[in-house]
């Protein structure tokens, strides 16, 4: 997966948006103002930080060498996924989807309702 594929996939989720809230090299994807993915455009290897439940974070780190504790993130809930390793694009897309859903599940009832009506 390359940066354009990552970007295209992240932006296909309802109400997702991209921004550079920290600097001009840290691309963040948000839903309703909450981050679900973050990547550093200045790194030689393409990696993405994704949010998961605490248990799933640990499980992924134990099973895959390409997944490590989130770089510059809360290690309890964030993992850094190396996109240039041996993980398939379908697996990476599923991880992004899980991260998006993890964030959506933490939104208020009103925000989740707005997402259900997004684009109607």
PDB file of N, CA and C in Angstrom:
ATOM      1  N   UNK A   1       0.847  -1.174   0.000  1.00  0.00           N
ATOM      2  CA  UNK A   1       0.000   0.000   0.000  1.00  0.00           C
ATOM      3  C   UNK A   1       0.896   1.242   0.000  1.00  0.00           C
ATOM      4  N   UNK A   2       0.595   2.185  -0.845  1.00  0.00           N
ATOM      5  CA  UNK A   2       1.353   3.431  -0.883  1.00  0.00           C
ATOM      6  C   UNK A   2       0.525   4.560  -0.255  1.00  0.00           C
ATOM      7  N   UNK A   3       1.088   5.747  -0.192  1.00  0.00           N
ATOM      8  CA  UNK A   3       0.437   6.854   0.501  1.00  0.00           C
ATOM      9  C   UNK A   3      -0.883   7.237  -0.163  1.00  0.00           C
ATOM     10  N   UNK A   4      -0.948   7.208  -1.478  1.00  0.00           N
ATOM     11  CA  UNK A   4      -2.196   7.569  -2.160  1.00  0.00           C
ATOM     12  C   UNK A   4      -3.286   6.540  -1.901  1.00  0.00           C
ATOM     13  N   UNK A   5      -2.931   5.263  -1.873  1.00  0.00           N
ATOM     14  CA  UNK A   5      -3.908   4.216  -1.570  1.00  0.00           C
ATOM     15  C   UNK A   5      -4.398   4.348  -0.125  1.00  0.00           C
ATOM     16  N   UNK A   6      -3.484   4.639   0.777  1.00  0.00           N
ATOM     17  CA  UNK A   6      -3.853   4.851   2.178  1.00  0.00           C
ATOM     18  C   UNK A   6      -4.818   6.022   2.292  1.00  0.00           C
ATOM     19  N   UNK A   7      -4.469   7.110   1.666  1.00  0.00           N
ATOM     20  CA  UNK A   7      -5.285   8.323   1.697  1.00  0.00           C
ATOM     21  C   UNK A   7      -6.671   8.065   1.117  1.00  0.00           C
ATOM     22  N   UNK A   8      -6.711   7.454  -0.029  1.00  0.00           N
ATOM     23  CA  UNK A   8      -7.988   7.162  -0.697  1.00  0.00           C
ATOM     24  C   UNK A   8      -8.871   6.260   0.173  1.00  0.00           C
ATOM     25  N   UNK A   9      -8.269   5.262   0.785  1.00  0.00           N
ATOM     26  CA  UNK A   9      -9.048   4.347   1.608  1.00  0.00           C
ATOM     27  C   UNK A   9      -9.584   5.047   2.862  1.00  0.00           C
ATOM     28  N   UNK A  10      -8.753   5.808   3.536  1.00  0.00           N
ATOM     29  CA  UNK A  10      -9.187   6.496   4.751  1.00  0.00           C
ATOM     30  C   UNK A  10     -10.308   7.500   4.475  1.00  0.00           C
ATOM     31  N   UNK A  11     -10.256   8.141   3.336  1.00  0.00           N
ATOM     32  CA  UNK A  11     -11.250   9.173   3.017  1.00  0.00           C
ATOM     33  C   UNK A  11     -12.579   8.606   2.537  1.00  0.00           C
ATOM     34  N   UNK A  12     -12.664   7.301   2.302  1.00  0.00           N
ATOM     35  CA  UNK A  12     -13.924   6.723   1.837  1.00  0.00           C
ATOM     36  C   UNK A  12     -14.916   6.468   2.974  1.00  0.00           C
ATOM     37  N   UNK A  13     -14.477   6.591   4.235  1.00  0.00           N
ATOM     38  CA  UNK A  13     -15.377   6.379   5.362  1.00  0.00           C
ATOM     39  C   UNK A  13     -16.274   7.602   5.561  1.00  0.00           C
ATOM     40  N   UNK A  14     -17.496   7.387   6.024  1.00  0.00           N
ATOM     41  CA  UNK A  14     -18.412   8.515   6.242  1.00  0.00           C
ATOM     42  C   UNK A  14     -17.816   9.580   7.160  1.00  0.00           C
ATOM     43  N   UNK A  15     -17.906  10.835   6.723  1.00  0.00           N
ATOM     44  CA  UNK A  15     -17.471  12.015   7.470  1.00  0.00           C
ATOM     45  C   UNK A  15     -15.979  12.038   7.782  1.00  0.00           C
ATOM     46  N   UNK A  16     -15.190  11.233   7.068  1.00  0.00           N
ATOM     47  CA  UNK A  16     -13.740  11.278   7.303  1.00  0.00           C
ATOM     48  C   UNK A  16     -13.152  12.495   6.607  1.00  0.00           C
ATOM     49  N   UNK A  17     -12.103  13.000   7.208  1.00  0.00           N
ATOM     50  CA  UNK A  17     -11.420  14.165   6.655  1.00  0.00           C
ATOM     51  C   UNK A  17      -9.934  14.053   6.942  1.00  0.00           C
ATOM     52  N   UNK A  18      -9.145  14.736   6.142  1.00  0.00           N
ATOM     53  CA  UNK A  18      -7.704  14.756   6.363  1.00  0.00           C
ATOM     54  C   UNK A  18      -7.285  16.161   6.759  1.00  0.00           C
ATOM     55  N   UNK A  19      -6.226  16.227   7.560  1.00  0.00           N
ATOM     56  CA  UNK A  19      -5.720  17.527   7.975  1.00  0.00           C
ATOM     57  C   UNK A  19      -4.270  17.377   8.441  1.00  0.00           C
ATOM     58  N   UNK A  20      -3.654  18.518   8.682  1.00  0.00           N
ATOM     59  CA  UNK A  20      -2.280  18.579   9.182  1.00  0.00           C
ATOM     60  C   UNK A  20      -2.273  19.408  10.466  1.00  0.00           C
ATOM     61  N   UNK A  21      -2.806  18.877  11.572  1.00  0.00           N
ATOM     62  CA  UNK A  21      -2.935  19.683  12.788  1.00  0.00           C
ATOM     63  C   UNK A  21      -1.630  19.921  13.553  1.00  0.00           C
ATOM     64  N   UNK A  22      -0.615  19.129  13.279  1.00  0.00           N
ATOM     65  CA  UNK A  22       0.630  19.229  14.053  1.00  0.00           C
ATOM     66  C   UNK A  22       1.737  19.949  13.289  1.00  0.00           C
ATOM     67  N   UNK A  23       1.893  19.601  12.035  1.00  0.00           N
ATOM     68  CA  UNK A  23       2.900  20.214  11.158  1.00  0.00           C
ATOM     69  C   UNK A  23       2.542  19.838   9.727  1.00  0.00           C
ATOM     70  N   UNK A  24       3.379  20.243   8.781  1.00  0.00           N
ATOM     71  CA  UNK A  24       3.050  19.979   7.372  1.00  0.00           C
ATOM     72  C   UNK A  24       3.522  18.610   6.884  1.00  0.00           C
ATOM     73  N   UNK A  25       3.982  17.758   7.790  1.00  0.00           N
ATOM     74  CA  UNK A  25       4.466  16.433   7.412  1.00  0.00           C
ATOM     75  C   UNK A  25       3.750  15.300   8.132  1.00  0.00           C
ATOM     76  N   UNK A  26       2.803  15.641   8.996  1.00  0.00           N
ATOM     77  CA  UNK A  26       2.059  14.631   9.746  1.00  0.00           C
ATOM     78  C   UNK A  26       0.602  14.680   9.303  1.00  0.00           C
ATOM     79  N   UNK A  27       0.235  13.722   8.454  1.00  0.00           N
ATOM     80  CA  UNK A  27      -1.101  13.656   7.877  1.00  0.00           C
ATOM     81  C   UNK A  27      -2.022  12.879   8.811  1.00  0.00           C
ATOM     82  N   UNK A  28      -3.133  13.503   9.197  1.00  0.00           N
ATOM     83  CA  UNK A  28      -4.074  12.917  10.147  1.00  0.00           C
ATOM     84  C   UNK A  28      -5.428  12.728   9.469  1.00  0.00           C
ATOM     85  N   UNK A  29      -6.057  11.599   9.753  1.00  0.00           N
ATOM     86  CA  UNK A  29      -7.407  11.328   9.288  1.00  0.00           C
ATOM     87  C   UNK A  29      -8.322  11.288  10.497  1.00  0.00           C
ATOM     88  N   UNK A  30      -9.432  12.032  10.409  1.00  0.00           N
ATOM     89  CA  UNK A  30     -10.346  12.164  11.535  1.00  0.00           C
ATOM     90  C   UNK A  30     -11.779  11.853  11.099  1.00  0.00           C
ATOM     91  N   UNK A  31     -12.572  11.489  12.093  1.00  0.00           N
ATOM     92  CA  UNK A  31     -14.015  11.400  11.931  1.00  0.00           C
ATOM     93  C   UNK A  31     -14.620  12.200  13.074  1.00  0.00           C
ATOM     94  N   UNK A  32     -15.460  13.169  12.738  1.00  0.00           N
ATOM     95  CA  UNK A  32     -16.084  14.028  13.747  1.00  0.00           C
ATOM     96  C   UNK A  32     -15.043  14.631  14.689  1.00  0.00           C
ATOM     97  N   UNK A  33     -13.900  15.019  14.138  1.00  0.00           N
ATOM     98  CA  UNK A  33     -12.858  15.678  14.918  1.00  0.00           C
ATOM     99  C   UNK A  33     -11.964  14.762  15.728  1.00  0.00           C
ATOM    100  N   UNK A  34     -12.160  13.449  15.636  1.00  0.00           N
ATOM    101  CA  UNK A  34     -11.361  12.478  16.394  1.00  0.00           C
ATOM    102  C   UNK A  34     -10.468  11.679  15.447  1.00  0.00           C
ATOM    103  N   UNK A  35      -9.207  11.544  15.812  1.00  0.00           N
ATOM    104  CA  UNK A  35      -8.247  10.824  14.965  1.00  0.00           C
ATOM    105  C   UNK A  35      -8.507   9.329  14.936  1.00  0.00           C
ATOM    106  N   UNK A  36      -8.432   8.752  13.712  1.00  0.00           N
ATOM    107  CA  UNK A  36      -8.453   7.293  13.596  1.00  0.00           C
ATOM    108  C   UNK A  36      -7.225   6.775  12.860  1.00  0.00           C
ATOM    109  N   UNK A  37      -6.490   7.659  12.194  1.00  0.00           N
ATOM    110  CA  UNK A  37      -5.260   7.260  11.501  1.00  0.00           C
ATOM    111  C   UNK A  37      -4.332   8.475  11.405  1.00  0.00           C
ATOM    112  N   UNK A  38      -3.032   8.184  11.453  1.00  0.00           N
ATOM    113  CA  UNK A  38      -2.032   9.238  11.393  1.00  0.00           C
ATOM    114  C   UNK A  38      -0.798   8.656  10.716  1.00  0.00           C
ATOM    115  N   UNK A  39      -0.230   9.397   9.771  1.00  0.00           N
ATOM    116  CA  UNK A  39       0.987   8.932   9.118  1.00  0.00           C
ATOM    117  C   UNK A  39       1.984  10.081   8.992  1.00  0.00           C
ATOM    118  N   UNK A  40       3.250   9.716   8.983  1.00  0.00           N
ATOM    119  CA  UNK A  40       4.335  10.698   8.880  1.00  0.00           C
ATOM    120  C   UNK A  40       4.872  10.674   7.453  1.00  0.00           C
ATOM    121  N   UNK A  41       4.732  11.782   6.749  1.00  0.00           N
ATOM    122  CA  UNK A  41       5.130  11.856   5.352  1.00  0.00           C
ATOM    123  C   UNK A  41       6.634  11.967   5.162  1.00  0.00           C
ATOM    124  N   UNK A  42       7.382  12.216   6.208  1.00  0.00           N
ATOM    125  CA  UNK A  42       8.824  12.399   6.099  1.00  0.00           C
ATOM    126  C   UNK A  42       9.622  11.127   6.371  1.00  0.00           C
ATOM    127  N   UNK A  43       8.981  10.073   6.780  1.00  0.00           N
ATOM    128  CA  UNK A  43       9.683   8.822   7.099  1.00  0.00           C
ATOM    129  C   UNK A  43       9.978   8.051   5.810  1.00  0.00           C
ATOM    130  N   UNK A  44      11.075   7.310   5.791  1.00  0.00           N
ATOM    131  CA  UNK A  44      11.427   6.538   4.596  1.00  0.00           C
ATOM    132  C   UNK A  44      10.486   5.349   4.397  1.00  0.00           C
ATOM    133  N   UNK A  45      10.077   4.715   5.495  1.00  0.00           N
ATOM    134  CA  UNK A  45       9.106   3.627   5.406  1.00  0.00           C
ATOM    135  C   UNK A  45       7.722   4.186   5.712  1.00  0.00           C
ATOM    136  N   UNK A  46       6.741   3.794   4.901  1.00  0.00           N
ATOM    137  CA  UNK A  46       5.383   4.257   5.138  1.00  0.00           C
ATOM    138  C   UNK A  46       4.769   3.463   6.283  1.00  0.00           C
ATOM    139  N   UNK A  47       4.362   4.186   7.313  1.00  0.00           N
ATOM    140  CA  UNK A  47       3.732   3.583   8.488  1.00  0.00           C
ATOM    141  C   UNK A  47       2.500   4.407   8.829  1.00  0.00           C
ATOM    142  N   UNK A  48       1.550   3.761   9.498  1.00  0.00           N
ATOM    143  CA  UNK A  48       0.348   4.457   9.927  1.00  0.00           C
ATOM    144  C   UNK A  48       0.042   4.077  11.370  1.00  0.00           C
ATOM    145  N   UNK A  49      -0.327   5.072  12.162  1.00  0.00           N
ATOM    146  CA  UNK A  49      -0.765   4.831  13.534  1.00  0.00           C
ATOM    147  C   UNK A  49      -2.273   4.632  13.508  1.00  0.00           C
ATOM    148  N   UNK A  50      -2.737   3.573  14.163  1.00  0.00           N
ATOM    149  CA  UNK A  50      -4.155   3.245  14.205  1.00  0.00           C
ATOM    150  C   UNK A  50      -4.585   2.980  15.643  1.00  0.00           C
ATOM    151  N   UNK A  51      -5.834   3.278  15.934  1.00  0.00           N
ATOM    152  CA  UNK A  51      -6.371   3.130  17.291  1.00  0.00           C
ATOM    153  C   UNK A  51      -7.178   1.840  17.410  1.00  0.00           C
ATOM    154  N   UNK A  52      -6.958   1.125  18.531  1.00  0.00           N
ATOM    155  CA  UNK A  52      -7.654  -0.141  18.789  1.00  0.00           C
ATOM    156  C   UNK A  52      -7.996  -0.240  20.266  1.00  0.00           C
ATOM    157  N   UNK A  53      -8.761  -1.260  20.592  1.00  0.00           N
ATOM    158  CA  UNK A  53      -8.982  -1.548  22.006  1.00  0.00           C
ATOM    159  C   UNK A  53      -7.653  -2.015  22.595  1.00  0.00           C
ATOM    160  N   UNK A  54      -7.527  -1.908  23.893  1.00  0.00           N
ATOM    161  CA  UNK A  54      -6.286  -2.277  24.563  1.00  0.00           C
ATOM    162  C   UNK A  54      -5.900  -3.737  24.272  1.00  0.00           C
ATOM    163  N   UNK A  55      -6.852  -4.641  24.373  1.00  0.00           N
ATOM    164  CA  UNK A  55      -6.571  -6.065  24.149  1.00  0.00           C
ATOM    165  C   UNK A  55      -6.155  -6.346  22.706  1.00  0.00           C
ATOM    166  N   UNK A  56      -6.847  -5.712  21.754  1.00  0.00           N
ATOM    167  CA  UNK A  56      -6.536  -5.947  20.342  1.00  0.00           C
ATOM    168  C   UNK A  56      -5.164  -5.371  19.994  1.00  0.00           C
ATOM    169  N   UNK A  57      -4.825  -4.245  20.596  1.00  0.00           N
ATOM    170  CA  UNK A  57      -3.491  -3.652  20.400  1.00  0.00           C
ATOM    171  C   UNK A  57      -2.408  -4.669  20.743  1.00  0.00           C
ATOM    172  N   UNK A  58      -2.521  -5.235  21.910  1.00  0.00           N
ATOM    173  CA  UNK A  58      -1.514  -6.193  22.376  1.00  0.00           C
ATOM    174  C   UNK A  58      -1.488  -7.443  21.508  1.00  0.00           C
ATOM    175  N   UNK A  59      -2.641  -7.942  21.144  1.00  0.00           N
ATOM    176  CA  UNK A  59      -2.735  -9.146  20.304  1.00  0.00           C
ATOM    177  C   UNK A  59      -2.018  -8.929  18.971  1.00  0.00           C
ATOM    178  N   UNK A  60      -2.266  -7.783  18.342  1.00  0.00           N
ATOM    179  CA  UNK A  60      -1.631  -7.489  17.055  1.00  0.00           C
ATOM    180  C   UNK A  60      -0.114  -7.415  17.186  1.00  0.00           C
ATOM    181  N   UNK A  61       0.370  -6.774  18.237  1.00  0.00           N
ATOM    182  CA  UNK A  61       1.816  -6.650  18.451  1.00  0.00           C
ATOM    183  C   UNK A  61       2.479  -8.004  18.646  1.00  0.00           C
ATOM    184  N   UNK A  62       1.769  -8.896  19.325  1.00  0.00           N
ATOM    185  CA  UNK A  62       2.316 -10.233  19.564  1.00  0.00           C
ATOM    186  C   UNK A  62       2.359 -11.076  18.301  1.00  0.00           C
ATOM    187  N   UNK A  63       1.398 -10.879  17.411  1.00  0.00           N
ATOM    188  CA  UNK A  63       1.278 -11.729  16.227  1.00  0.00           C
ATOM    189  C   UNK A  63       2.057 -11.239  15.006  1.00  0.00           C
ATOM    190  N   UNK A  64       2.295  -9.935  14.899  1.00  0.00           N
ATOM    191  CA  UNK A  64       2.883  -9.393  13.667  1.00  0.00           C
ATOM    192  C   UNK A  64       4.089  -8.510  13.983  1.00  0.00           C
ATOM    193  N   UNK A  65       5.210  -8.835  13.382  1.00  0.00           N
ATOM    194  CA  UNK A  65       6.423  -8.041  13.612  1.00  0.00           C
ATOM    195  C   UNK A  65       6.322  -6.643  13.005  1.00  0.00           C
ATOM    196  N   UNK A  66       5.431  -6.453  12.038  1.00  0.00           N
ATOM    197  CA  UNK A  66       5.246  -5.145  11.395  1.00  0.00           C
ATOM    198  C   UNK A  66       4.401  -4.193  12.241  1.00  0.00           C
ATOM    199  N   UNK A  67       3.890  -4.686  13.365  1.00  0.00           N
ATOM    200  CA  UNK A  67       3.032  -3.864  14.220  1.00  0.00           C
ATOM    201  C   UNK A  67       3.708  -3.678  15.573  1.00  0.00           C
ATOM    202  N   UNK A  68       3.859  -2.417  15.950  1.00  0.00           N
ATOM    203  CA  UNK A  68       4.542  -2.082  17.202  1.00  0.00           C
ATOM    204  C   UNK A  68       3.749  -1.010  17.945  1.00  0.00           C
ATOM    205  N   UNK A  69       4.129  -0.721  19.185  1.00  0.00           N
ATOM    206  CA  UNK A  69       3.418   0.336  19.927  1.00  0.00           C
ATOM    207  C   UNK A  69       3.433   1.654  19.156  1.00  0.00           C
ATOM    208  N   UNK A  70       2.352   2.395  19.265  1.00  0.00           N
ATOM    209  CA  UNK A  70       2.190   3.635  18.501  1.00  0.00           C
ATOM    210  C   UNK A  70       3.286   4.651  18.737  1.00  0.00           C
ATOM    211  N   UNK A  71       3.924   5.068  17.653  1.00  0.00           N
ATOM    212  CA  UNK A  71       4.992   6.073  17.683  1.00  0.00           C
ATOM    213  C   UNK A  71       4.392   7.417  18.076  1.00  0.00           C
ATOM    214  N   UNK A  72       4.879   8.015  19.153  1.00  0.00           N
ATOM    215  CA  UNK A  72       4.394   9.304  19.674  1.00  0.00           C
ATOM    216  C   UNK A  72       2.916   9.285  20.034  1.00  0.00           C
ATOM    217  N   UNK A  73       2.387   8.116  20.390  1.00  0.00           N
ATOM    218  CA  UNK A  73       0.969   7.986  20.717  1.00  0.00           C
ATOM    219  C   UNK A  73       0.830   7.246  22.049  1.00  0.00           C
ATOM    220  N   UNK A  74      -0.376   7.203  22.585  1.00  0.00           N
ATOM    221  CA  UNK A  74      -0.657   6.455  23.809  1.00  0.00           C
ATOM    222  C   UNK A  74      -0.533   4.968  23.475  1.00  0.00           C
ATOM    223  N   UNK A  75       0.484   4.328  23.998  1.00  0.00           N
ATOM    224  CA  UNK A  75       0.823   2.940  23.644  1.00  0.00           C
ATOM    225  C   UNK A  75      -0.271   1.940  24.018  1.00  0.00           C
ATOM    226  N   UNK A  76      -1.146   2.320  24.905  1.00  0.00           N
ATOM    227  CA  UNK A  76      -2.209   1.430  25.351  1.00  0.00           C
ATOM    228  C   UNK A  76      -3.270   1.232  24.262  1.00  0.00           C
ATOM    229  N   UNK A  77      -3.473   2.255  23.424  1.00  0.00           N
ATOM    230  CA  UNK A  77      -4.555   2.217  22.435  1.00  0.00           C
ATOM    231  C   UNK A  77      -4.111   2.391  20.984  1.00  0.00           C
ATOM    232  N   UNK A  78      -2.868   2.732  20.771  1.00  0.00           N
ATOM    233  CA  UNK A  78      -2.403   3.013  19.409  1.00  0.00           C
ATOM    234  C   UNK A  78      -1.266   2.073  19.018  1.00  0.00           C
ATOM    235  N   UNK A  79      -1.320   1.604  17.781  1.00  0.00           N
ATOM    236  CA  UNK A  79      -0.248   0.807  17.192  1.00  0.00           C
ATOM    237  C   UNK A  79       0.257   1.489  15.936  1.00  0.00           C
ATOM    238  N   UNK A  80       1.525   1.304  15.651  1.00  0.00           N
ATOM    239  CA  UNK A  80       2.113   1.737  14.391  1.00  0.00           C
ATOM    240  C   UNK A  80       2.234   0.512  13.502  1.00  0.00           C
ATOM    241  N   UNK A  81       1.670   0.620  12.298  1.00  0.00           N
ATOM    242  CA  UNK A  81       1.650  -0.486  11.345  1.00  0.00           C
ATOM    243  C   UNK A  81       2.549  -0.123  10.171  1.00  0.00           C
ATOM    244  N   UNK A  82       3.545  -0.968   9.913  1.00  0.00           N
ATOM    245  CA  UNK A  82       4.459  -0.767   8.787  1.00  0.00           C
ATOM    246  C   UNK A  82       3.757  -1.248   7.516  1.00  0.00           C
ATOM    247  N   UNK A  83       3.526  -0.324   6.591  1.00  0.00           N
ATOM    248  CA  UNK A  83       2.811  -0.655   5.360  1.00  0.00           C
ATOM    249  C   UNK A  83       3.724  -1.207   4.269  1.00  0.00           C
ATOM    250  N   UNK A  84       5.025  -1.184   4.513  1.00  0.00           N
ATOM    251  CA  UNK A  84       5.962  -1.676   3.504  1.00  0.00           C
ATOM    252  C   UNK A  84       6.462  -3.083   3.842  1.00  0.00           C
ATOM    253  N   UNK A  85       5.877  -3.692   4.835  1.00  0.00           N
ATOM    254  CA  UNK A  85       6.291  -5.033   5.248  1.00  0.00           C
ATOM    255  C   UNK A  85       5.520  -6.119   4.523  1.00  0.00           C
ATOM    256  N   UNK A  86       5.277  -7.213   5.221  1.00  0.00           N
ATOM    257  CA  UNK A  86       4.644  -8.381   4.613  1.00  0.00           C
ATOM    258  C   UNK A  86       3.135  -8.447   4.806  1.00  0.00           C
ATOM    259  N   UNK A  87       2.535  -7.423   5.384  1.00  0.00           N
ATOM    260  CA  UNK A  87       1.093  -7.430   5.586  1.00  0.00           C
ATOM    261  C   UNK A  87       0.378  -7.137   4.276  1.00  0.00           C
ATOM    262  N   UNK A  88      -0.690  -7.875   4.010  1.00  0.00           N
ATOM    263  CA  UNK A  88      -1.436  -7.674   2.763  1.00  0.00           C
ATOM    264  C   UNK A  88      -2.234  -6.369   2.830  1.00  0.00           C
ATOM    265  N   UNK A  89      -2.530  -5.808   1.681  1.00  0.00           N
ATOM    266  CA  UNK A  89      -3.335  -4.591   1.627  1.00  0.00           C
ATOM    267  C   UNK A  89      -4.714  -4.822   2.231  1.00  0.00           C
ATOM    268  N   UNK A  90      -5.291  -5.987   1.994  1.00  0.00           N
ATOM    269  CA  UNK A  90      -6.611  -6.290   2.564  1.00  0.00           C
ATOM    270  C   UNK A  90      -6.557  -6.310   4.087  1.00  0.00           C
ATOM    271  N   UNK A  91      -5.498  -6.869   4.642  1.00  0.00           N
ATOM    272  CA  UNK A  91      -5.343  -6.903   6.098  1.00  0.00           C
ATOM    273  C   UNK A  91      -5.181  -5.484   6.643  1.00  0.00           C
ATOM    274  N   UNK A  92      -4.370  -4.679   5.980  1.00  0.00           N
ATOM    275  CA  UNK A  92      -4.153  -3.294   6.403  1.00  0.00           C
ATOM    276  C   UNK A  92      -5.462  -2.515   6.327  1.00  0.00           C
ATOM    277  N   UNK A  93      -6.210  -2.700   5.252  1.00  0.00           N
ATOM    278  CA  UNK A  93      -7.502  -2.020   5.120  1.00  0.00           C
ATOM    279  C   UNK A  93      -8.442  -2.421   6.248  1.00  0.00           C
ATOM    280  N   UNK A  94      -8.423  -3.678   6.608  1.00  0.00           N
ATOM    281  CA  UNK A  94      -9.265  -4.124   7.711  1.00  0.00           C
ATOM    282  C   UNK A  94      -8.844  -3.454   9.023  1.00  0.00           C
ATOM    283  N   UNK A  95      -7.546  -3.317   9.245  1.00  0.00           N
ATOM    284  CA  UNK A  95      -7.062  -2.638  10.452  1.00  0.00           C
ATOM    285  C   UNK A  95      -7.519  -1.177  10.483  1.00  0.00           C
ATOM    286  N   UNK A  96      -7.471  -0.517   9.348  1.00  0.00           N
ATOM    287  CA  UNK A  96      -7.931   0.873   9.262  1.00  0.00           C
ATOM    288  C   UNK A  96      -9.422   0.948   9.574  1.00  0.00           C
ATOM    289  N   UNK A  97     -10.171   0.016   9.027  1.00  0.00           N
ATOM    290  CA  UNK A  97     -11.614  -0.038   9.272  1.00  0.00           C
ATOM    291  C   UNK A  97     -11.912  -0.256  10.758  1.00  0.00           C
ATOM    292  N   UNK A  98     -11.172  -1.154  11.393  1.00  0.00           N
ATOM    293  CA  UNK A  98     -11.342  -1.416  12.824  1.00  0.00           C
ATOM    294  C   UNK A  98     -11.028  -0.145  13.621  1.00  0.00           C
ATOM    295  N   UNK A  99      -9.979   0.568  13.240  1.00  0.00           N
ATOM    296  CA  UNK A  99      -9.602   1.800  13.926  1.00  0.00           C
ATOM    297  C   UNK A  99     -10.713   2.842  13.779  1.00  0.00           C
ATOM    298  N   UNK A 100     -11.227   3.000  12.577  1.00  0.00           N
ATOM    299  CA  UNK A 100     -12.326   3.941  12.332  1.00  0.00           C
ATOM    300  C   UNK A 100     -13.523   3.592  13.219  1.00  0.00           C
ATOM    301  N   UNK A 101     -13.890   2.320  13.240  1.00  0.00           N
ATOM    302  CA  UNK A 101     -15.037   1.884  14.043  1.00  0.00           C
ATOM    303  C   UNK A 101     -14.785   2.078  15.535  1.00  0.00           C
ATOM    304  N   UNK A 102     -13.559   1.856  15.969  1.00  0.00           N
ATOM    305  CA  UNK A 102     -13.201   2.066  17.372  1.00  0.00           C
ATOM    306  C   UNK A 102     -13.454   3.519  17.770  1.00  0.00           C
ATOM    307  N   UNK A 103     -13.072   4.440  16.910  1.00  0.00           N
ATOM    308  CA  UNK A 103     -13.285   5.859  17.188  1.00  0.00           C
ATOM    309  C   UNK A 103     -14.774   6.201  17.124  1.00  0.00           C
ATOM    310  N   UNK A 104     -15.470   5.706  16.116  1.00  0.00           N
ATOM    311  CA  UNK A 104     -16.903   5.977  15.984  1.00  0.00           C
ATOM    312  C   UNK A 104     -17.665   5.473  17.211  1.00  0.00           C
ATOM    313  N   UNK A 105     -17.286   4.319  17.724  1.00  0.00           N
ATOM    314  CA  UNK A 105     -17.964   3.761  18.902  1.00  0.00           C
ATOM    315  C   UNK A 105     -17.817   4.642  20.132  1.00  0.00           C
ATOM    316  N   UNK A 106     -16.809   5.484  20.161  1.00  0.00           N
ATOM    317  CA  UNK A 106     -16.582   6.371  21.309  1.00  0.00           C
ATOM    318  C   UNK A 106     -17.258   7.740  21.123  1.00  0.00           C
ATOM    319  N   UNK A 107     -17.846   7.990  19.959  1.00  0.00           N
ATOM    320  CA  UNK A 107     -18.524   9.260  19.714  1.00  0.00           C
ATOM    321  C   UNK A 107     -19.828   9.321  20.507  1.00  0.00           C
ATOM    322  N   UNK A 108     -20.376  10.500  20.626  1.00  0.00           N
ATOM    323  CA  UNK A 108     -21.663  10.652  21.292  1.00  0.00           C
ATOM    324  C   UNK A 108     -22.761  10.028  20.433  1.00  0.00           C
ATOM    325  N   UNK A 109     -23.900   9.775  21.045  1.00  0.00           N
ATOM    326  CA  UNK A 109     -25.041   9.229  20.302  1.00  0.00           C
ATOM    327  C   UNK A 109     -25.443  10.160  19.166  1.00  0.00           C
ATOM    328  N   UNK A 110     -25.431  11.447  19.418  1.00  0.00           N
ATOM    329  CA  UNK A 110     -25.786  12.433  18.400  1.00  0.00           C
ATOM    330  C   UNK A 110     -24.816  12.365  17.210  1.00  0.00           C
ATOM    331  N   UNK A 111     -23.525  12.284  17.496  1.00  0.00           N
ATOM    332  CA  UNK A 111     -22.524  12.217  16.423  1.00  0.00           C
ATOM    333  C   UNK A 111     -22.686  10.934  15.605  1.00  0.00           C
ATOM    334  N   UNK A 112     -22.937   9.817  16.284  1.00  0.00           N
ATOM    335  CA  UNK A 112     -23.139   8.553  15.558  1.00  0.00           C
ATOM    336  C   UNK A 112     -24.388   8.617  14.687  1.00  0.00           C
ATOM    337  N   UNK A 113     -25.429   9.261  15.194  1.00  0.00           N
ATOM    338  CA  UNK A 113     -26.660   9.429  14.420  1.00  0.00           C
ATOM    339  C   UNK A 113     -26.396  10.275  13.172  1.00  0.00           C
ATOM    340  N   UNK A 114     -25.603  11.319  13.313  1.00  0.00           N
ATOM    341  CA  UNK A 114     -25.243  12.159  12.172  1.00  0.00           C
ATOM    342  C   UNK A 114     -24.480  11.356  11.116  1.00  0.00           C
ATOM    343  N   UNK A 115     -23.641  10.431  11.569  1.00  0.00           N
ATOM    344  CA  UNK A 115     -22.896   9.589  10.627  1.00  0.00           C
ATOM    345  C   UNK A 115     -23.832   8.693   9.839  1.00  0.00           C
ATOM    346  N   UNK A 116     -24.848   8.159  10.500  1.00  0.00           N
ATOM    347  CA  UNK A 116     -25.802   7.282   9.810  1.00  0.00           C
ATOM    348  C   UNK A 116     -26.548   8.033   8.721  1.00  0.00           C
ATOM    349  N   UNK A 117     -26.726   9.344   8.914  1.00  0.00           N
ATOM    350  CA  UNK A 117     -27.434  10.162   7.933  1.00  0.00           C
ATOM    351  C   UNK A 117     -26.482  10.863   6.970  1.00  0.00           C
ATOM    352  N   UNK A 118     -25.203  10.593   7.085  1.00  0.00           N
ATOM    353  CA  UNK A 118     -24.196  11.264   6.259  1.00  0.00           C
ATOM    354  C   UNK A 118     -24.432  10.963   4.781  1.00  0.00           C
ATOM    355  N   UNK A 119     -24.469  12.019   3.992  1.00  0.00           N
ATOM    356  CA  UNK A 119     -24.621  11.858   2.543  1.00  0.00           C
ATOM    357  C   UNK A 119     -26.063  11.691   2.090  1.00  0.00           C
ATOM    358  N   UNK A 120     -27.018  11.704   3.004  1.00  0.00           N
ATOM    359  CA  UNK A 120     -28.442  11.565   2.603  1.00  0.00           C
ATOM    360  C   UNK A 120     -29.075  12.909   2.350  1.00  0.00           C
TER     361      UNK A 120
END
